[in-house]
Amino acid sequence: MTLQVIKSVEGKDEYVLLPIEIYQALKGQIEELAEENQEEDGDESIPFDPANYVENPVALARIQAHITREELAQRLWVSTAYIGKIERRAKVTDKMLERVKAVL
């Protein structure tokens, strides 16, 4: 089995991707180590909030609803490419935003 290693910007090993079966088998031990490291570092994690990174309200609403562009396109009866175009815009019309919120 090969594990994927993700390196930091400095080139140091930072993360490892595990198959879910291995993670589930080791989950208890991993949580214990994480708690120990947190106690040592005194570092509390900050929850990820997409609103801090995504400016487009359609994209943000879709992400917060946990659906893909494809799913949103199906719900709005439009193409996935059209959803991508809307999400790349700097401004979205109120009418489009209302349509998106209605289907979410």
PDB file of N, CA and C in Angstrom:
ATOM      1  N   MET A   1       0.838  -1.169   0.000  1.00  0.00           N
ATOM      2  CA  MET A   1       0.000   0.000   0.000  1.00  0.00           C
ATOM      3  C   MET A   1       0.890   1.240   0.000  1.00  0.00           C
ATOM      4  N   THR A   2       0.482   2.242  -0.789  1.00  0.00           N
ATOM      5  CA  THR A   2       1.209   3.491  -0.869  1.00  0.00           C
ATOM      6  C   THR A   2       0.373   4.592  -0.243  1.00  0.00           C
ATOM      7  N   LEU A   3       0.992   5.345   0.643  1.00  0.00           N
ATOM      8  CA  LEU A   3       0.315   6.473   1.262  1.00  0.00           C
ATOM      9  C   LEU A   3       0.757   7.748   0.570  1.00  0.00           C
ATOM     10  N   GLN A   4      -0.162   8.669   0.390  1.00  0.00           N
ATOM     11  CA  GLN A   4       0.172   9.941  -0.239  1.00  0.00           C
ATOM     12  C   GLN A   4       0.606  10.920   0.836  1.00  0.00           C
ATOM     13  N   VAL A   5       1.766  11.536   0.638  1.00  0.00           N
ATOM     14  CA  VAL A   5       2.306  12.506   1.577  1.00  0.00           C
ATOM     15  C   VAL A   5       2.160  13.894   0.964  1.00  0.00           C
ATOM     16  N   ILE A   6       1.638  14.822   1.749  1.00  0.00           N
ATOM     17  CA  ILE A   6       1.475  16.200   1.303  1.00  0.00           C
ATOM     18  C   ILE A   6       2.532  17.029   2.008  1.00  0.00           C
ATOM     19  N   LYS A   7       3.282  17.780   1.217  1.00  0.00           N
ATOM     20  CA  LYS A   7       4.388  18.558   1.766  1.00  0.00           C
ATOM     21  C   LYS A   7       3.973  20.006   2.007  1.00  0.00           C
ATOM     22  N   SER A   8       4.659  20.645   2.943  1.00  0.00           N
ATOM     23  CA  SER A   8       4.422  22.058   3.219  1.00  0.00           C
ATOM     24  C   SER A   8       5.092  22.898   2.138  1.00  0.00           C
ATOM     25  N   VAL A   9       4.912  24.194   2.198  1.00  0.00           N
ATOM     26  CA  VAL A   9       5.543  25.104   1.246  1.00  0.00           C
ATOM     27  C   VAL A   9       7.066  24.989   1.339  1.00  0.00           C
ATOM     28  N   GLU A  10       7.556  24.700   2.529  1.00  0.00           N
ATOM     29  CA  GLU A  10       8.998  24.558   2.726  1.00  0.00           C
ATOM     30  C   GLU A  10       9.531  23.212   2.240  1.00  0.00           C
ATOM     31  N   GLY A  11       8.639  22.319   1.816  1.00  0.00           N
ATOM     32  CA  GLY A  11       9.064  21.013   1.304  1.00  0.00           C
ATOM     33  C   GLY A  11       9.116  19.921   2.357  1.00  0.00           C
ATOM     34  N   LYS A  12       8.655  20.195   3.556  1.00  0.00           N
ATOM     35  CA  LYS A  12       8.656  19.194   4.625  1.00  0.00           C
ATOM     36  C   LYS A  12       7.354  18.399   4.588  1.00  0.00           C
ATOM     37  N   ASP A  13       7.431  17.117   4.968  1.00  0.00           N
ATOM     38  CA  ASP A  13       6.220  16.305   5.057  1.00  0.00           C
ATOM     39  C   ASP A  13       5.289  16.919   6.085  1.00  0.00           C
ATOM     40  N   GLU A  14       4.029  17.156   5.686  1.00  0.00           N
ATOM     41  CA  GLU A  14       3.090  17.826   6.587  1.00  0.00           C
ATOM     42  C   GLU A  14       1.865  16.968   6.889  1.00  0.00           C
ATOM     43  N   TYR A  15       1.321  16.288   5.874  1.00  0.00           N
ATOM     44  CA  TYR A  15       0.120  15.476   6.030  1.00  0.00           C
ATOM     45  C   TYR A  15       0.291  14.161   5.291  1.00  0.00           C
ATOM     46  N   VAL A  16      -0.510  13.164   5.712  1.00  0.00           N
ATOM     47  CA  VAL A  16      -0.545  11.876   5.030  1.00  0.00           C
ATOM     48  C   VAL A  16      -2.001  11.514   4.787  1.00  0.00           C
ATOM     49  N   LEU A  17      -2.316  11.101   3.564  1.00  0.00           N
ATOM     50  CA  LEU A  17      -3.662  10.635   3.246  1.00  0.00           C
ATOM     51  C   LEU A  17      -3.719   9.132   3.475  1.00  0.00           C
ATOM     52  N   LEU A  18      -4.667   8.695   4.288  1.00  0.00           N
ATOM     53  CA  LEU A  18      -4.824   7.285   4.613  1.00  0.00           C
ATOM     54  C   LEU A  18      -6.094   6.733   3.982  1.00  0.00           C
ATOM     55  N   PRO A  19      -6.072   5.469   3.575  1.00  0.00           N
ATOM     56  CA  PRO A  19      -7.335   4.848   3.174  1.00  0.00           C
ATOM     57  C   PRO A  19      -8.281   4.839   4.375  1.00  0.00           C
ATOM     58  N   ILE A  20      -9.563   4.977   4.133  1.00  0.00           N
ATOM     59  CA  ILE A  20     -10.555   5.116   5.203  1.00  0.00           C
ATOM     60  C   ILE A  20     -10.544   3.925   6.159  1.00  0.00           C
ATOM     61  N   GLU A  21     -10.297   2.733   5.640  1.00  0.00           N
ATOM     62  CA  GLU A  21     -10.272   1.544   6.503  1.00  0.00           C
ATOM     63  C   GLU A  21      -9.164   1.645   7.547  1.00  0.00           C
ATOM     64  N   ILE A  22      -8.005   2.139   7.125  1.00  0.00           N
ATOM     65  CA  ILE A  22      -6.885   2.280   8.059  1.00  0.00           C
ATOM     66  C   ILE A  22      -7.187   3.399   9.063  1.00  0.00           C
ATOM     67  N   TYR A  23      -7.738   4.503   8.570  1.00  0.00           N
ATOM     68  CA  TYR A  23      -8.091   5.597   9.470  1.00  0.00           C
ATOM     69  C   TYR A  23      -9.083   5.130  10.526  1.00  0.00           C
ATOM     70  N   GLN A  24     -10.107   4.398  10.108  1.00  0.00           N
ATOM     71  CA  GLN A  24     -11.116   3.932  11.060  1.00  0.00           C
ATOM     72  C   GLN A  24     -10.507   2.994  12.095  1.00  0.00           C
ATOM     73  N   ALA A  25      -9.558   2.149  11.668  1.00  0.00           N
ATOM     74  CA  ALA A  25      -8.909   1.237  12.604  1.00  0.00           C
ATOM     75  C   ALA A  25      -8.036   1.999  13.612  1.00  0.00           C
ATOM     76  N   LEU A  26      -7.451   3.114  13.175  1.00  0.00           N
ATOM     77  CA  LEU A  26      -6.531   3.864  14.030  1.00  0.00           C
ATOM     78  C   LEU A  26      -7.150   5.122  14.641  1.00  0.00           C
ATOM     79  N   LYS A  27      -8.435   5.360  14.388  1.00  0.00           N
ATOM     80  CA  LYS A  27      -9.088   6.606  14.784  1.00  0.00           C
ATOM     81  C   LYS A  27      -8.899   6.936  16.267  1.00  0.00           C
ATOM     82  N   GLY A  28      -9.077   5.974  17.130  1.00  0.00           N
ATOM     83  CA  GLY A  28      -8.919   6.214  18.571  1.00  0.00           C
ATOM     84  C   GLY A  28      -7.519   6.678  18.916  1.00  0.00           C
ATOM     85  N   GLN A  29      -6.515   6.009  18.367  1.00  0.00           N
ATOM     86  CA  GLN A  29      -5.129   6.391  18.631  1.00  0.00           C
ATOM     87  C   GLN A  29      -4.813   7.767  18.053  1.00  0.00           C
ATOM     88  N   ILE A  30      -5.349   8.055  16.875  1.00  0.00           N
ATOM     89  CA  ILE A  30      -5.112   9.353  16.242  1.00  0.00           C
ATOM     90  C   ILE A  30      -5.713  10.467  17.092  1.00  0.00           C
ATOM     91  N   GLU A  31      -6.932  10.261  17.593  1.00  0.00           N
ATOM     92  CA  GLU A  31      -7.582  11.276  18.423  1.00  0.00           C
ATOM     93  C   GLU A  31      -6.811  11.514  19.715  1.00  0.00           C
ATOM     94  N   GLU A  32      -6.281  10.433  20.319  1.00  0.00           N
ATOM     95  CA  GLU A  32      -5.479  10.588  21.535  1.00  0.00           C
ATOM     96  C   GLU A  32      -4.228  11.417  21.265  1.00  0.00           C
ATOM     97  N   LEU A  33      -3.544  11.122  20.154  1.00  0.00           N
ATOM     98  CA  LEU A  33      -2.344  11.885  19.798  1.00  0.00           C
ATOM     99  C   LEU A  33      -2.680  13.349  19.516  1.00  0.00           C
ATOM    100  N   ALA A  34      -3.794  13.577  18.857  1.00  0.00           N
ATOM    101  CA  ALA A  34      -4.199  14.944  18.551  1.00  0.00           C
ATOM    102  C   ALA A  34      -4.473  15.722  19.836  1.00  0.00           C
ATOM    103  N   GLU A  35      -5.127  15.074  20.807  1.00  0.00           N
ATOM    104  CA  GLU A  35      -5.402  15.724  22.090  1.00  0.00           C
ATOM    105  C   GLU A  35      -4.110  16.031  22.826  1.00  0.00           C
ATOM    106  N   GLU A  36      -3.170  15.091  22.806  1.00  0.00           N
ATOM    107  CA  GLU A  36      -1.882  15.313  23.471  1.00  0.00           C
ATOM    108  C   GLU A  36      -1.140  16.484  22.839  1.00  0.00           C
ATOM    109  N   ASN A  37      -1.127  16.521  21.507  1.00  0.00           N
ATOM    110  CA  ASN A  37      -0.442  17.608  20.811  1.00  0.00           C
ATOM    111  C   ASN A  37      -1.115  18.947  21.081  1.00  0.00           C
ATOM    112  N   GLN A  38      -2.429  18.948  21.169  1.00  0.00           N
ATOM    113  CA  GLN A  38      -3.154  20.188  21.425  1.00  0.00           C
ATOM    114  C   GLN A  38      -2.839  20.695  22.825  1.00  0.00           C
ATOM    115  N   GLU A  39      -2.755  19.777  23.791  1.00  0.00           N
ATOM    116  CA  GLU A  39      -2.436  20.172  25.158  1.00  0.00           C
ATOM    117  C   GLU A  39      -1.029  20.734  25.235  1.00  0.00           C
ATOM    118  N   GLU A  40      -0.088  20.110  24.513  1.00  0.00           N
ATOM    119  CA  GLU A  40       1.300  20.563  24.531  1.00  0.00           C
ATOM    120  C   GLU A  40       1.436  21.923  23.870  1.00  0.00           C
ATOM    121  N   ASP A  41       0.787  22.096  22.725  1.00  0.00           N
ATOM    122  CA  ASP A  41       0.904  23.334  21.968  1.00  0.00           C
ATOM    123  C   ASP A  41       0.022  24.433  22.532  1.00  0.00           C
ATOM    124  N   GLY A  42      -1.036  24.055  23.228  1.00  0.00           N
ATOM    125  CA  GLY A  42      -1.996  25.038  23.678  1.00  0.00           C
ATOM    126  C   GLY A  42      -2.720  25.657  22.492  1.00  0.00           C
ATOM    127  N   ASP A  43      -2.662  24.982  21.354  1.00  0.00           N
ATOM    128  CA  ASP A  43      -3.229  25.498  20.106  1.00  0.00           C
ATOM    129  C   ASP A  43      -4.623  24.940  19.905  1.00  0.00           C
ATOM    130  N   GLU A  44      -5.575  25.824  19.757  1.00  0.00           N
ATOM    131  CA  GLU A  44      -6.928  25.386  19.463  1.00  0.00           C
ATOM    132  C   GLU A  44      -7.189  25.634  17.994  1.00  0.00           C
ATOM    133  N   SER A  45      -7.802  24.682  17.349  1.00  0.00           N
ATOM    134  CA  SER A  45      -8.071  24.846  15.932  1.00  0.00           C
ATOM    135  C   SER A  45      -9.210  25.828  15.718  1.00  0.00           C
ATOM    136  N   ILE A  46      -9.168  26.476  14.585  1.00  0.00           N
ATOM    137  CA  ILE A  46     -10.199  27.436  14.209  1.00  0.00           C
ATOM    138  C   ILE A  46     -11.035  26.793  13.121  1.00  0.00           C
ATOM    139  N   PRO A  47     -12.348  26.736  13.296  1.00  0.00           N
ATOM    140  CA  PRO A  47     -13.180  26.099  12.286  1.00  0.00           C
ATOM    141  C   PRO A  47     -13.094  26.839  10.955  1.00  0.00           C
ATOM    142  N   PHE A  48     -13.131  26.069   9.872  1.00  0.00           N
ATOM    143  CA  PHE A  48     -13.090  26.640   8.532  1.00  0.00           C
ATOM    144  C   PHE A  48     -14.443  27.251   8.205  1.00  0.00           C
ATOM    145  N   ASP A  49     -14.435  28.494   7.784  1.00  0.00           N
ATOM    146  CA  ASP A  49     -15.660  29.180   7.394  1.00  0.00           C
ATOM    147  C   ASP A  49     -15.505  29.643   5.949  1.00  0.00           C
ATOM    148  N   PRO A  50     -16.244  29.016   5.013  1.00  0.00           N
ATOM    149  CA  PRO A  50     -16.111  29.398   3.611  1.00  0.00           C
ATOM    150  C   PRO A  50     -16.400  30.878   3.364  1.00  0.00           C
ATOM    151  N   ALA A  51     -17.200  31.504   4.202  1.00  0.00           N
ATOM    152  CA  ALA A  51     -17.532  32.913   4.018  1.00  0.00           C
ATOM    153  C   ALA A  51     -16.291  33.801   4.092  1.00  0.00           C
ATOM    154  N   ASN A  52     -15.237  33.312   4.723  1.00  0.00           N
ATOM    155  CA  ASN A  52     -13.993  34.073   4.803  1.00  0.00           C
ATOM    156  C   ASN A  52     -13.193  34.017   3.506  1.00  0.00           C
ATOM    157  N   TYR A  53     -13.552  33.101   2.611  1.00  0.00           N
ATOM    158  CA  TYR A  53     -12.769  32.883   1.406  1.00  0.00           C
ATOM    159  C   TYR A  53     -13.563  33.020   0.108  1.00  0.00           C
ATOM    160  N   VAL A  54     -14.874  32.877   0.163  1.00  0.00           N
ATOM    161  CA  VAL A  54     -15.711  32.884  -1.032  1.00  0.00           C
ATOM    162  C   VAL A  54     -16.553  34.151  -1.036  1.00  0.00           C
ATOM    163  N   GLU A  55     -16.347  34.994  -2.036  1.00  0.00           N
ATOM    164  CA  GLU A  55     -17.068  36.269  -2.090  1.00  0.00           C
ATOM    165  C   GLU A  55     -18.387  36.166  -2.848  1.00  0.00           C
ATOM    166  N   ASN A  56     -18.468  35.296  -3.836  1.00  0.00           N
ATOM    167  CA  ASN A  56     -19.670  35.188  -4.648  1.00  0.00           C
ATOM    168  C   ASN A  56     -20.794  34.559  -3.827  1.00  0.00           C
ATOM    169  N   PRO A  57     -21.944  35.237  -3.695  1.00  0.00           N
ATOM    170  CA  PRO A  57     -23.012  34.715  -2.838  1.00  0.00           C
ATOM    171  C   PRO A  57     -23.637  33.416  -3.342  1.00  0.00           C
ATOM    172  N   VAL A  58     -23.651  33.201  -4.651  1.00  0.00           N
ATOM    173  CA  VAL A  58     -24.188  31.946  -5.192  1.00  0.00           C
ATOM    174  C   VAL A  58     -23.252  30.795  -4.833  1.00  0.00           C
ATOM    175  N   ALA A  59     -21.968  30.993  -5.051  1.00  0.00           N
ATOM    176  CA  ALA A  59     -20.993  29.956  -4.714  1.00  0.00           C
ATOM    177  C   ALA A  59     -21.016  29.660  -3.222  1.00  0.00           C
ATOM    178  N   LEU A  60     -21.089  30.706  -2.412  1.00  0.00           N
ATOM    179  CA  LEU A  60     -21.114  30.520  -0.956  1.00  0.00           C
ATOM    180  C   LEU A  60     -22.349  29.754  -0.519  1.00  0.00           C
ATOM    181  N   ALA A  61     -23.509  30.120  -1.051  1.00  0.00           N
ATOM    182  CA  ALA A  61     -24.747  29.425  -0.693  1.00  0.00           C
ATOM    183  C   ALA A  61     -24.678  27.951  -1.099  1.00  0.00           C
ATOM    184  N   ARG A  62     -24.125  27.693  -2.277  1.00  0.00           N
ATOM    185  CA  ARG A  62     -24.009  26.307  -2.755  1.00  0.00           C
ATOM    186  C   ARG A  62     -23.076  25.500  -1.855  1.00  0.00           C
ATOM    187  N   ILE A  63     -21.938  26.071  -1.505  1.00  0.00           N
ATOM    188  CA  ILE A  63     -20.966  25.386  -0.645  1.00  0.00           C
ATOM    189  C   ILE A  63     -21.573  25.114   0.728  1.00  0.00           C
ATOM    190  N   GLN A  64     -22.249  26.108   1.287  1.00  0.00           N
ATOM    191  CA  GLN A  64     -22.849  25.930   2.607  1.00  0.00           C
ATOM    192  C   GLN A  64     -23.985  24.916   2.584  1.00  0.00           C
ATOM    193  N   ALA A  65     -24.619  24.731   1.421  1.00  0.00           N
ATOM    194  CA  ALA A  65     -25.678  23.721   1.282  1.00  0.00           C
ATOM    195  C   ALA A  65     -25.103  22.337   0.996  1.00  0.00           C
ATOM    196  N   HIS A  66     -23.783  22.258   0.846  1.00  0.00           N
ATOM    197  CA  HIS A  66     -23.079  20.993   0.593  1.00  0.00           C
ATOM    198  C   HIS A  66     -23.562  20.317  -0.691  1.00  0.00           C
ATOM    199  N   ILE A  67     -23.709  21.112  -1.750  1.00  0.00           N
ATOM    200  CA  ILE A  67     -24.071  20.518  -3.035  1.00  0.00           C
ATOM    201  C   ILE A  67     -23.065  20.954  -4.091  1.00  0.00           C
ATOM    202  N   THR A  68     -22.985  20.189  -5.158  1.00  0.00           N
ATOM    203  CA  THR A  68     -22.063  20.479  -6.243  1.00  0.00           C
ATOM    204  C   THR A  68     -22.690  21.441  -7.234  1.00  0.00           C
ATOM    205  N   ARG A  69     -21.856  21.945  -8.139  1.00  0.00           N
ATOM    206  CA  ARG A  69     -22.378  22.797  -9.207  1.00  0.00           C
ATOM    207  C   ARG A  69     -23.384  22.029 -10.054  1.00  0.00           C
ATOM    208  N   GLU A  70     -23.086  20.759 -10.280  1.00  0.00           N
ATOM    209  CA  GLU A  70     -23.981  19.930 -11.086  1.00  0.00           C
ATOM    210  C   GLU A  70     -25.362  19.822 -10.446  1.00  0.00           C
ATOM    211  N   GLU A  71     -25.378  19.608  -9.126  1.00  0.00           N
ATOM    212  CA  GLU A  71     -26.663  19.499  -8.424  1.00  0.00           C
ATOM    213  C   GLU A  71     -27.439  20.816  -8.468  1.00  0.00           C
ATOM    214  N   LEU A  72     -26.735  21.924  -8.288  1.00  0.00           N
ATOM    215  CA  LEU A  72     -27.403  23.222  -8.349  1.00  0.00           C
ATOM    216  C   LEU A  72     -27.948  23.472  -9.757  1.00  0.00           C
ATOM    217  N   ALA A  73     -27.175  23.132 -10.759  1.00  0.00           N
ATOM    218  CA  ALA A  73     -27.616  23.304 -12.147  1.00  0.00           C
ATOM    219  C   ALA A  73     -28.891  22.497 -12.417  1.00  0.00           C
ATOM    220  N   GLN A  74     -28.930  21.266 -11.922  1.00  0.00           N
ATOM    221  CA  GLN A  74     -30.126  20.438 -12.111  1.00  0.00           C
ATOM    222  C   GLN A  74     -31.336  21.065 -11.426  1.00  0.00           C
ATOM    223  N   ARG A  75     -31.132  21.569 -10.230  1.00  0.00           N
ATOM    224  CA  ARG A  75     -32.251  22.165  -9.480  1.00  0.00           C
ATOM    225  C   ARG A  75     -32.774  23.439 -10.149  1.00  0.00           C
ATOM    226  N   LEU A  76     -31.868  24.176 -10.825  1.00  0.00           N
ATOM    227  CA  LEU A  76     -32.270  25.414 -11.488  1.00  0.00           C
ATOM    228  C   LEU A  76     -32.634  25.203 -12.961  1.00  0.00           C
ATOM    229  N   TRP A  77     -32.478  24.009 -13.459  1.00  0.00           N
ATOM    230  CA  TRP A  77     -32.745  23.685 -14.857  1.00  0.00           C
ATOM    231  C   TRP A  77     -31.857  24.509 -15.795  1.00  0.00           C
ATOM    232  N   VAL A  78     -30.571  24.592 -15.437  1.00  0.00           N
ATOM    233  CA  VAL A  78     -29.595  25.280 -16.281  1.00  0.00           C
ATOM    234  C   VAL A  78     -28.379  24.370 -16.422  1.00  0.00           C
ATOM    235  N   SER A  79     -27.419  24.776 -17.235  1.00  0.00           N
ATOM    236  CA  SER A  79     -26.217  23.959 -17.420  1.00  0.00           C
ATOM    237  C   SER A  79     -25.216  24.211 -16.298  1.00  0.00           C
ATOM    238  N   THR A  80     -24.330  23.250 -16.104  1.00  0.00           N
ATOM    239  CA  THR A  80     -23.261  23.392 -15.113  1.00  0.00           C
ATOM    240  C   THR A  80     -22.348  24.549 -15.508  1.00  0.00           C
ATOM    241  N   ALA A  81     -22.122  24.714 -16.809  1.00  0.00           N
ATOM    242  CA  ALA A  81     -21.278  25.813 -17.285  1.00  0.00           C
ATOM    243  C   ALA A  81     -21.879  27.165 -16.898  1.00  0.00           C
ATOM    244  N   TYR A  82     -23.199  27.264 -16.946  1.00  0.00           N
ATOM    245  CA  TYR A  82     -23.862  28.513 -16.572  1.00  0.00           C
ATOM    246  C   TYR A  82     -23.667  28.804 -15.076  1.00  0.00           C
ATOM    247  N   ILE A  83     -23.743  27.770 -14.267  1.00  0.00           N
ATOM    248  CA  ILE A  83     -23.500  27.961 -12.821  1.00  0.00           C
ATOM    249  C   ILE A  83     -22.075  28.444 -12.607  1.00  0.00           C
ATOM    250  N   GLY A  84     -21.125  27.842 -13.325  1.00  0.00           N
ATOM    251  CA  GLY A  84     -19.734  28.288 -13.216  1.00  0.00           C
ATOM    252  C   GLY A  84     -19.583  29.751 -13.607  1.00  0.00           C
ATOM    253  N   LYS A  85     -20.270  30.152 -14.661  1.00  0.00           N
ATOM    254  CA  LYS A  85     -20.225  31.542 -15.119  1.00  0.00           C
ATOM    255  C   LYS A  85     -20.782  32.480 -14.044  1.00  0.00           C
ATOM    256  N   ILE A  86     -21.895  32.098 -13.439  1.00  0.00           N
ATOM    257  CA  ILE A  86     -22.497  32.912 -12.376  1.00  0.00           C
ATOM    258  C   ILE A  86     -21.547  33.024 -11.186  1.00  0.00           C
ATOM    259  N   GLU A  87     -20.914  31.899 -10.827  1.00  0.00           N
ATOM    260  CA  GLU A  87     -20.035  31.891  -9.652  1.00  0.00           C
ATOM    261  C   GLU A  87     -18.744  32.670  -9.887  1.00  0.00           C
ATOM    262  N   ARG A  88     -18.381  32.919 -11.124  1.00  0.00           N
ATOM    263  CA  ARG A  88     -17.178  33.709 -11.407  1.00  0.00           C
ATOM    264  C   ARG A  88     -17.457  35.213 -11.450  1.00  0.00           C
ATOM    265  N   ARG A  89     -18.703  35.585 -11.477  1.00  0.00           N
ATOM    266  CA  ARG A  89     -19.069  36.999 -11.537  1.00  0.00           C
ATOM    267  C   ARG A  89     -18.745  37.711 -10.229  1.00  0.00           C
ATOM    268  N   ALA A  90     -18.418  38.990 -10.368  1.00  0.00           N
ATOM    269  CA  ALA A  90     -18.181  39.805  -9.177  1.00  0.00           C
ATOM    270  C   ALA A  90     -19.498  40.168  -8.513  1.00  0.00           C
ATOM    271  N   LYS A  91     -20.552  40.345  -9.330  1.00  0.00           N
ATOM    272  CA  LYS A  91     -21.864  40.700  -8.790  1.00  0.00           C
ATOM    273  C   LYS A  91     -22.902  39.733  -9.334  1.00  0.00           C
ATOM    274  N   VAL A  92     -23.890  39.443  -8.513  1.00  0.00           N
ATOM    275  CA  VAL A  92     -24.989  38.556  -8.896  1.00  0.00           C
ATOM    276  C   VAL A  92     -26.283  39.329  -8.688  1.00  0.00           C
ATOM    277  N   THR A  93     -27.206  39.194  -9.622  1.00  0.00           N
ATOM    278  CA  THR A  93     -28.474  39.915  -9.485  1.00  0.00           C
ATOM    279  C   THR A  93     -29.282  39.362  -8.317  1.00  0.00           C
ATOM    280  N   ASP A  94     -30.118  40.206  -7.780  1.00  0.00           N
ATOM    281  CA  ASP A  94     -30.982  39.786  -6.675  1.00  0.00           C
ATOM    282  C   ASP A  94     -31.915  38.658  -7.127  1.00  0.00           C
ATOM    283  N   LYS A  95     -32.383  38.756  -8.373  1.00  0.00           N
ATOM    284  CA  LYS A  95     -33.290  37.740  -8.904  1.00  0.00           C
ATOM    285  C   LYS A  95     -32.615  36.366  -8.938  1.00  0.00           C
ATOM    286  N   MET A  96     -31.361  36.324  -9.400  1.00  0.00           N
ATOM    287  CA  MET A  96     -30.640  35.046  -9.446  1.00  0.00           C
ATOM    288  C   MET A  96     -30.402  34.525  -8.040  1.00  0.00           C
ATOM    289  N   LEU A  97     -30.023  35.385  -7.131  1.00  0.00           N
ATOM    290  CA  LEU A  97     -29.784  34.972  -5.753  1.00  0.00           C
ATOM    291  C   LEU A  97     -31.052  34.415  -5.121  1.00  0.00           C
ATOM    292  N   GLU A  98     -32.179  35.032  -5.396  1.00  0.00           N
ATOM    293  CA  GLU A  98     -33.453  34.530  -4.886  1.00  0.00           C
ATOM    294  C   GLU A  98     -33.788  33.151  -5.458  1.00  0.00           C
ATOM    295  N   ARG A  99     -33.521  32.960  -6.753  1.00  0.00           N
ATOM    296  CA  ARG A  99     -33.764  31.653  -7.383  1.00  0.00           C
ATOM    297  C   ARG A  99     -32.909  30.565  -6.739  1.00  0.00           C
ATOM    298  N   VAL A 100     -31.646  30.895  -6.502  1.00  0.00           N
ATOM    299  CA  VAL A 100     -30.714  29.927  -5.894  1.00  0.00           C
ATOM    300  C   VAL A 100     -31.179  29.590  -4.487  1.00  0.00           C
ATOM    301  N   LYS A 101     -31.485  30.594  -3.696  1.00  0.00           N
ATOM    302  CA  LYS A 101     -31.923  30.341  -2.318  1.00  0.00           C
ATOM    303  C   LYS A 101     -33.217  29.536  -2.272  1.00  0.00           C
ATOM    304  N   ALA A 102     -34.098  29.752  -3.258  1.00  0.00           N
ATOM    305  CA  ALA A 102     -35.359  29.011  -3.300  1.00  0.00           C
ATOM    306  C   ALA A 102     -35.135  27.521  -3.530  1.00  0.00           C
ATOM    307  N   VAL A 103     -34.145  27.155  -4.328  1.00  0.00           N
ATOM    308  CA  VAL A 103     -33.916  25.727  -4.616  1.00  0.00           C
ATOM    309  C   VAL A 103     -33.027  25.063  -3.579  1.00  0.00           C
ATOM    310  N   LEU A 104     -32.370  25.870  -2.745  1.00  0.00           N
ATOM    311  CA  LEU A 104     -31.519  25.290  -1.713  1.00  0.00           C
ATOM    312  C   LEU A 104     -32.338  25.058  -0.458  1.00  0.00           C
TER     313      LEU A 104
END
